[in-house]
Amino acid sequence: MLIPLRSVSEHMGAKVDWNQQTKQITITKDSTTIKLTINSPKVSVNQSQHL
């Protein structure tokens, strides 16, 4: 299932940034930063990578 990540994240009070060059979205709230890259199964949470 796909969800509108920007609107859901912003509704929860997070800041959302999109980097067109790297195709990466960064979601930040308080001391947590999540980075996702288009077509990648990996996610980075506070600089620690997960599958």
Protein backbone atom coordinates (compact mmCIF):
# COMPACT_ATOMS: atom_id res chain seq x y z
CA MET A 1 0.00 0.00 0.00
CA LEU A 2 1.26 3.48 -0.81
CA ILE A 3 0.55 6.43 1.44
CA PRO A 4 1.07 10.17 0.86
CA LEU A 5 4.23 10.32 2.98
CA ARG A 6 4.56 14.11 2.98
CA SER A 7 1.04 14.86 4.15
CA VAL A 8 1.03 12.10 6.79
CA SER A 9 4.43 13.15 8.15
CA GLU A 10 3.58 16.85 8.21
CA HIS A 11 0.23 16.10 9.88
CA MET A 12 2.23 14.43 12.68
CA GLY A 13 4.39 17.55 13.05
CA ALA A 14 7.47 16.39 11.14
CA LYS A 15 9.50 18.42 8.65
CA VAL A 16 9.79 16.82 5.20
CA ASP A 17 12.49 17.62 2.64
CA TRP A 18 12.88 16.21 -0.89
CA ASN A 19 16.21 16.11 -2.74
CA GLN A 20 15.47 15.75 -6.46
CA GLN A 21 19.11 15.10 -7.35
CA THR A 22 19.55 12.11 -5.01
CA LYS A 23 15.85 11.09 -5.07
CA GLN A 24 15.89 11.09 -1.28
CA ILE A 25 13.26 12.16 1.24
CA THR A 26 14.27 13.26 4.73
CA ILE A 27 11.74 13.32 7.55
CA THR A 28 12.73 15.06 10.77
CA LYS A 29 10.87 15.34 14.05
CA ASP A 30 12.46 16.22 17.36
CA SER A 31 15.70 14.19 17.57
CA THR A 32 14.71 11.60 14.94
CA THR A 33 15.75 11.78 11.28
CA ILE A 34 14.54 9.24 8.73
CA LYS A 35 15.97 9.08 5.20
CA LEU A 36 14.42 7.07 2.39
CA THR A 37 15.65 6.81 -1.20
CA ILE A 38 13.42 6.01 -4.17
CA ASN A 39 13.82 2.37 -5.37
CA SER A 40 15.94 1.40 -2.37
CA PRO A 41 14.83 -1.13 0.26
CA LYS A 42 17.03 0.57 2.86
CA VAL A 43 16.01 3.23 5.36
CA SER A 44 18.29 5.30 7.56
CA VAL A 45 17.10 6.19 11.07
CA ASN A 46 19.44 8.58 12.89
CA GLN A 47 22.26 7.52 10.51
CA SER A 48 21.79 3.81 11.23
CA GLN A 49 20.78 1.82 8.12
CA HIS A 50 18.03 -0.82 8.14
CA LEU A 51 16.37 -3.03 5.56
